[in-house]
Amino acid sequence: MRIAVTTTLLSLALPLVAQEARVSLHSTVSGNREQPRVVYIVPWRQPGDAQYALELHNTIAAELFAPMDRDEFNRDLAYGDMLRHRAQGDGRDTNPAATGIPTNQE
């Protein structure tokens, strides 16, 4: 009888010993009461010396957003018109000199 009671008590105490330590995390979520479906998540600590410099070096975007010379812009428009007319086959003269496109051969 004594063995049965001891075995029963030990078998009941075994799950208590096997449980992991309880971890509790504390966090606070605050939001606007007018819009309860929106949650603002705010960092609890300022980031260190994190500086992100976005500079366009040797990229297509740098060339894309570079200032354009007026003559270069007009030349680009004229070439676009020339290619459009050539693709449509409307018989216009596609010679750059005849279209008024300045060339470097002068």
Protein backbone atom coordinates (compact mmCIF):
# COMPACT_ATOMS: atom_id res chain seq x y z
CA MET A 1 0.00 0.00 0.00
CA ARG A 2 2.80 2.35 0.89
CA ILE A 3 4.43 1.68 -2.50
CA ALA A 4 1.19 2.42 -4.33
CA VAL A 5 0.76 5.78 -2.55
CA THR A 6 4.39 6.74 -3.16
CA THR A 7 4.13 5.79 -6.83
CA THR A 8 0.90 7.76 -7.23
CA LEU A 9 2.36 10.87 -5.57
CA LEU A 10 5.51 10.68 -7.67
CA SER A 11 3.53 10.24 -10.87
CA LEU A 12 1.40 13.30 -9.99
CA ALA A 13 4.50 15.39 -9.17
CA LEU A 14 6.35 14.42 -12.35
CA PRO A 15 4.46 16.83 -14.71
CA LEU A 16 5.15 19.72 -12.33
CA VAL A 17 8.88 19.07 -12.52
CA ALA A 18 8.80 18.65 -16.31
CA GLN A 19 7.14 22.04 -16.97
CA GLU A 20 9.31 24.72 -18.52
CA ALA A 21 9.98 27.99 -16.77
CA ARG A 22 7.27 30.56 -17.36
CA VAL A 23 8.33 33.54 -19.48
CA SER A 24 6.26 36.70 -19.48
CA LEU A 25 6.78 39.47 -21.99
CA HIS A 26 5.54 42.98 -21.44
CA SER A 27 4.41 45.14 -24.34
CA THR A 28 2.18 48.12 -24.80
CA VAL A 29 0.14 48.81 -27.92
CA SER A 30 -1.34 52.27 -28.18
CA GLY A 31 -3.56 53.68 -30.87
CA ASN A 32 -6.04 56.39 -31.67
CA ARG A 33 -9.44 55.89 -30.03
CA GLU A 34 -11.20 57.46 -33.02
CA GLN A 35 -9.85 54.75 -35.29
CA PRO A 36 -9.61 51.57 -33.20
CA ARG A 37 -8.69 49.38 -36.19
CA VAL A 38 -5.38 51.17 -36.70
CA VAL A 39 -2.39 50.16 -34.58
CA TYR A 40 0.70 52.32 -34.22
CA ILE A 41 3.81 50.28 -33.52
CA VAL A 42 6.52 52.47 -32.03
CA PRO A 43 10.08 51.27 -31.40
CA TRP A 44 10.97 51.22 -27.76
CA ARG A 45 14.52 52.33 -28.38
CA GLN A 46 16.08 54.77 -30.85
CA PRO A 47 18.28 53.07 -33.45
CA GLY A 48 22.01 53.48 -33.10
CA ASP A 49 24.10 55.36 -35.61
CA ALA A 50 22.09 54.03 -38.51
CA GLN A 51 22.49 56.42 -41.41
CA TYR A 52 21.15 55.46 -44.78
CA ALA A 53 22.40 57.64 -47.59
CA LEU A 54 20.51 57.12 -50.81
CA GLU A 55 22.70 58.35 -53.61
CA LEU A 56 22.46 57.50 -57.27
CA HIS A 57 25.97 56.59 -58.42
CA ASN A 58 26.60 54.96 -61.78
CA THR A 59 23.07 53.73 -62.17
CA ILE A 60 20.48 54.00 -64.87
CA ALA A 61 18.33 56.07 -62.50
CA ALA A 62 21.13 58.65 -62.11
CA GLU A 63 21.28 59.03 -65.88
CA LEU A 64 17.50 59.09 -66.15
CA PHE A 65 17.10 61.96 -63.69
CA ALA A 66 20.10 63.98 -64.88
CA PRO A 67 19.38 67.43 -66.32
CA MET A 68 19.09 67.48 -70.11
CA ASP A 69 20.46 70.12 -72.49
CA ARG A 70 17.86 71.94 -74.64
CA ASP A 71 19.59 70.99 -77.92
CA GLU A 72 19.82 67.37 -76.83
CA PHE A 73 16.11 67.36 -75.93
CA ASN A 74 15.11 68.87 -79.31
CA ARG A 75 17.34 66.37 -81.11
CA ASP A 76 15.70 63.52 -79.19
CA LEU A 77 12.22 64.76 -80.13
CA ALA A 78 13.21 65.10 -83.80
CA TYR A 79 14.66 61.58 -83.89
CA GLY A 80 11.50 60.25 -82.25
CA ASP A 81 9.37 61.95 -84.91
CA MET A 82 11.65 60.62 -87.64
CA LEU A 83 11.39 57.05 -86.35
CA ARG A 84 7.62 57.33 -85.93
CA HIS A 85 7.19 58.54 -89.52
CA ARG A 86 9.51 55.83 -90.81
CA ALA A 87 7.51 53.16 -88.97
CA GLN A 88 4.24 54.53 -90.37
CA GLY A 89 5.75 54.71 -93.86
CA ASP A 90 4.18 58.07 -94.69
CA GLY A 91 6.94 58.99 -97.15
CA ARG A 92 8.45 61.90 -95.23
CA ASP A 93 12.14 62.56 -95.61
CA THR A 94 14.06 60.80 -92.86
CA ASN A 95 17.36 62.50 -93.56
CA PRO A 96 18.48 64.21 -90.32
CA ALA A 97 19.72 67.28 -92.21
CA ALA A 98 16.35 67.66 -93.97
CA THR A 99 14.41 67.39 -90.71
CA GLY A 100 16.45 70.13 -89.05
CA ILE A 101 18.25 67.83 -86.66
CA PRO A 102 21.63 69.34 -85.84
CA THR A 103 24.51 66.99 -86.55
CA ASN A 104 28.12 67.11 -85.39
CA GLN A 105 29.40 66.85 -88.98
CA GLU A 106 29.19 70.59 -89.64
